N, C-alpha and C. Protein backbone atom coordinates (compact mmCIF):
# COMPACT_ATOMS: atom_id res chain seq x y z
N MET A 1 -55.25 126.38 -127.92
CA MET A 1 -54.56 125.83 -129.04
C MET A 1 -53.22 125.25 -128.56
N ASN A 2 -52.61 124.48 -129.34
CA ASN A 2 -51.34 123.84 -128.95
C ASN A 2 -50.23 124.82 -128.80
N ASP A 3 -50.31 125.97 -129.49
CA ASP A 3 -49.22 126.94 -129.42
C ASP A 3 -49.50 128.00 -128.34
N GLY A 4 -50.60 127.83 -127.54
CA GLY A 4 -50.87 128.71 -126.40
C GLY A 4 -51.81 129.89 -126.75
N LYS A 5 -52.10 130.05 -128.04
CA LYS A 5 -53.08 131.11 -128.43
C LYS A 5 -54.47 130.71 -128.04
N ILE A 6 -55.26 131.76 -127.84
CA ILE A 6 -56.65 131.54 -127.53
C ILE A 6 -57.54 131.95 -128.68
N VAL A 7 -58.48 131.13 -129.08
CA VAL A 7 -59.42 131.38 -130.16
C VAL A 7 -60.80 131.60 -129.61
N LEU A 8 -61.46 132.64 -130.13
CA LEU A 8 -62.81 132.92 -129.61
C LEU A 8 -63.82 132.62 -130.71
N ALA A 9 -64.96 132.11 -130.34
CA ALA A 9 -66.09 131.91 -131.24
C ALA A 9 -67.18 132.91 -130.79
N ARG A 10 -67.69 133.68 -131.73
CA ARG A 10 -68.67 134.67 -131.42
C ARG A 10 -69.93 134.40 -132.23
N ILE A 11 -71.04 134.51 -131.62
CA ILE A 11 -72.35 134.48 -132.34
C ILE A 11 -73.09 135.76 -132.06
N PRO A 12 -73.89 136.24 -133.02
CA PRO A 12 -74.48 137.54 -132.85
C PRO A 12 -75.63 137.53 -131.80
N ASN A 13 -75.81 138.68 -131.12
CA ASN A 13 -76.85 138.90 -130.18
C ASN A 13 -78.11 139.26 -131.06
N PRO A 14 -79.24 138.66 -130.78
CA PRO A 14 -80.43 138.97 -131.59
C PRO A 14 -80.86 140.45 -131.47
N ASN A 15 -80.48 141.14 -130.39
CA ASN A 15 -80.83 142.54 -130.23
C ASN A 15 -79.97 143.46 -131.03
N ALA A 16 -78.90 142.93 -131.69
CA ALA A 16 -77.95 143.83 -132.43
C ALA A 16 -78.44 144.15 -133.80
N GLY A 17 -79.56 143.57 -134.21
CA GLY A 17 -80.08 143.78 -135.58
C GLY A 17 -80.04 142.47 -136.33
N PRO A 18 -80.31 142.54 -137.64
CA PRO A 18 -80.30 141.35 -138.43
C PRO A 18 -78.91 140.65 -138.36
N ALA A 19 -78.89 139.40 -138.04
CA ALA A 19 -77.65 138.69 -137.82
C ALA A 19 -76.68 138.75 -139.01
N PHE A 20 -77.23 138.60 -140.23
CA PHE A 20 -76.39 138.67 -141.48
C PHE A 20 -75.62 139.94 -141.47
N TYR A 21 -76.28 141.04 -141.32
CA TYR A 21 -75.64 142.36 -141.41
C TYR A 21 -74.69 142.62 -140.23
N SER A 22 -75.11 142.23 -139.04
CA SER A 22 -74.26 142.42 -137.87
C SER A 22 -72.97 141.68 -138.01
N THR A 23 -72.99 140.42 -138.44
CA THR A 23 -71.80 139.62 -138.56
C THR A 23 -70.88 140.15 -139.67
N ALA A 24 -71.49 140.36 -140.83
CA ALA A 24 -70.68 140.84 -141.99
C ALA A 24 -70.09 142.21 -141.73
N SER A 25 -70.81 143.09 -141.03
CA SER A 25 -70.32 144.43 -140.72
C SER A 25 -69.16 144.33 -139.74
N GLU A 26 -69.30 143.49 -138.73
CA GLU A 26 -68.28 143.38 -137.71
C GLU A 26 -66.96 142.80 -138.33
N VAL A 27 -67.07 141.82 -139.15
CA VAL A 27 -65.93 141.22 -139.87
C VAL A 27 -65.27 142.27 -140.75
N ALA A 28 -66.05 143.00 -141.53
CA ALA A 28 -65.54 144.00 -142.43
C ALA A 28 -64.81 145.13 -141.64
N THR A 29 -65.36 145.53 -140.53
CA THR A 29 -64.75 146.60 -139.71
C THR A 29 -63.45 146.10 -139.10
N MET A 30 -63.40 144.90 -138.59
CA MET A 30 -62.16 144.37 -138.03
C MET A 30 -61.06 144.19 -139.09
N GLU A 31 -61.46 143.74 -140.27
CA GLU A 31 -60.46 143.55 -141.34
C GLU A 31 -59.97 144.90 -141.88
N LEU A 32 -60.85 145.88 -142.01
CA LEU A 32 -60.46 147.20 -142.44
C LEU A 32 -59.47 147.82 -141.46
N THR A 33 -59.74 147.76 -140.21
CA THR A 33 -58.84 148.41 -139.21
C THR A 33 -57.48 147.68 -139.22
N ARG A 34 -57.47 146.39 -139.37
CA ARG A 34 -56.25 145.63 -139.28
C ARG A 34 -55.44 145.72 -140.60
N ASP A 35 -56.10 145.45 -141.73
CA ASP A 35 -55.38 145.33 -143.05
C ASP A 35 -55.21 146.68 -143.76
N VAL A 36 -56.13 147.55 -143.69
CA VAL A 36 -56.04 148.84 -144.41
C VAL A 36 -55.40 149.94 -143.54
N LEU A 37 -55.96 150.11 -142.36
CA LEU A 37 -55.53 151.18 -141.47
C LEU A 37 -54.31 150.82 -140.68
N GLN A 38 -53.90 149.52 -140.69
CA GLN A 38 -52.69 149.04 -139.96
C GLN A 38 -52.87 149.27 -138.44
N ILE A 39 -54.09 149.11 -137.92
CA ILE A 39 -54.30 149.21 -136.49
C ILE A 39 -54.30 147.74 -135.95
N PRO A 40 -53.49 147.44 -134.98
CA PRO A 40 -53.43 146.07 -134.44
C PRO A 40 -54.82 145.63 -133.95
N GLY A 41 -55.14 144.44 -134.31
CA GLY A 41 -56.41 143.85 -133.86
C GLY A 41 -56.44 142.36 -134.09
N PRO A 42 -57.45 141.69 -133.60
CA PRO A 42 -57.54 140.24 -133.74
C PRO A 42 -57.73 139.80 -135.19
N ARG A 43 -57.11 138.71 -135.51
CA ARG A 43 -57.17 138.13 -136.83
C ARG A 43 -58.47 137.25 -136.92
N ILE A 44 -59.19 137.42 -138.02
CA ILE A 44 -60.35 136.60 -138.27
C ILE A 44 -59.95 135.33 -138.97
N PHE A 45 -60.26 134.16 -138.39
CA PHE A 45 -59.87 132.89 -139.01
C PHE A 45 -60.99 132.36 -139.91
N ASP A 46 -62.23 132.52 -139.49
CA ASP A 46 -63.32 132.02 -140.33
C ASP A 46 -64.58 132.76 -139.85
N TRP A 47 -65.60 132.85 -140.73
CA TRP A 47 -66.83 133.50 -140.31
C TRP A 47 -67.94 133.06 -141.31
N SER A 48 -69.14 133.20 -140.85
CA SER A 48 -70.30 132.90 -141.69
C SER A 48 -71.40 133.84 -141.32
N ALA A 49 -71.96 134.49 -142.30
CA ALA A 49 -73.13 135.45 -142.10
C ALA A 49 -74.45 134.80 -142.30
N THR A 50 -74.44 133.48 -142.49
CA THR A 50 -75.70 132.71 -142.61
C THR A 50 -75.71 131.58 -141.59
N SER A 51 -76.96 131.20 -141.27
CA SER A 51 -77.06 130.05 -140.28
C SER A 51 -77.14 128.72 -141.03
N ASN A 52 -76.97 128.71 -142.33
CA ASN A 52 -76.98 127.51 -143.10
C ASN A 52 -75.58 126.90 -143.10
N ASN A 53 -75.20 126.36 -141.98
CA ASN A 53 -73.81 125.75 -141.78
C ASN A 53 -73.93 124.75 -140.64
N ALA A 54 -72.83 124.07 -140.36
CA ALA A 54 -72.80 123.01 -139.35
C ALA A 54 -73.14 123.56 -137.92
N VAL A 55 -72.75 124.84 -137.67
CA VAL A 55 -73.01 125.42 -136.41
C VAL A 55 -74.47 125.75 -136.17
N GLY A 56 -75.17 126.07 -137.27
CA GLY A 56 -76.62 126.42 -137.20
C GLY A 56 -76.83 127.85 -136.76
N SER A 57 -75.80 128.67 -136.86
CA SER A 57 -75.89 130.07 -136.51
C SER A 57 -74.81 130.88 -137.23
N GLU A 58 -74.99 132.15 -137.35
CA GLU A 58 -73.95 133.00 -137.83
C GLU A 58 -72.87 132.98 -136.81
N TYR A 59 -71.59 133.12 -137.28
CA TYR A 59 -70.49 133.04 -136.29
C TYR A 59 -69.28 133.75 -136.81
N ILE A 60 -68.35 134.04 -135.87
CA ILE A 60 -67.01 134.58 -136.17
C ILE A 60 -66.01 133.76 -135.32
N ILE A 61 -65.01 133.20 -135.91
CA ILE A 61 -63.92 132.55 -135.24
C ILE A 61 -62.71 133.50 -135.35
N MET A 62 -62.20 133.93 -134.23
CA MET A 62 -61.14 134.92 -134.23
C MET A 62 -60.16 134.70 -133.12
N GLU A 63 -58.94 135.28 -133.29
CA GLU A 63 -58.00 135.16 -132.24
C GLU A 63 -58.33 136.17 -131.10
N GLU A 64 -57.90 135.89 -129.93
CA GLU A 64 -58.13 136.76 -128.81
C GLU A 64 -57.24 138.08 -129.01
N ALA A 65 -57.85 139.18 -128.73
CA ALA A 65 -57.07 140.44 -128.86
C ALA A 65 -56.12 140.53 -127.72
N SER A 66 -54.92 140.96 -128.01
CA SER A 66 -53.91 141.13 -126.98
C SER A 66 -54.12 142.49 -126.28
N GLY A 67 -53.57 142.61 -125.11
CA GLY A 67 -53.62 143.87 -124.35
C GLY A 67 -54.18 143.71 -123.02
N THR A 68 -54.51 144.82 -122.39
CA THR A 68 -55.08 144.81 -121.02
C THR A 68 -56.58 144.97 -121.07
N GLN A 69 -57.27 144.11 -120.38
CA GLN A 69 -58.73 144.17 -120.30
C GLN A 69 -59.15 145.35 -119.53
N LEU A 70 -60.08 146.16 -120.06
CA LEU A 70 -60.54 147.38 -119.38
C LEU A 70 -61.48 147.06 -118.23
N GLY A 71 -62.30 146.00 -118.33
CA GLY A 71 -63.25 145.70 -117.33
C GLY A 71 -63.77 144.31 -117.48
N VAL A 72 -64.48 143.82 -116.49
CA VAL A 72 -65.07 142.54 -116.53
C VAL A 72 -66.57 142.78 -116.57
N ALA A 73 -67.26 142.13 -117.51
CA ALA A 73 -68.72 142.28 -117.59
C ALA A 73 -69.42 141.40 -116.60
């Protein structure tokens, strides 16, 4: 981004279960920890739990989490 922040786009892995529930659950969990429990975490900018969109897939657009990476996959 122009301000130096990194934005991530995530799409669900088909092995994680039904994409609708996986995406909606992940967004709800991240928003709960950030907004209700006040635990620092990445901000969700946009998401869709349906593939009926311009992307053609469920997705989450979120900021990169700050901190130290534990490992490289």
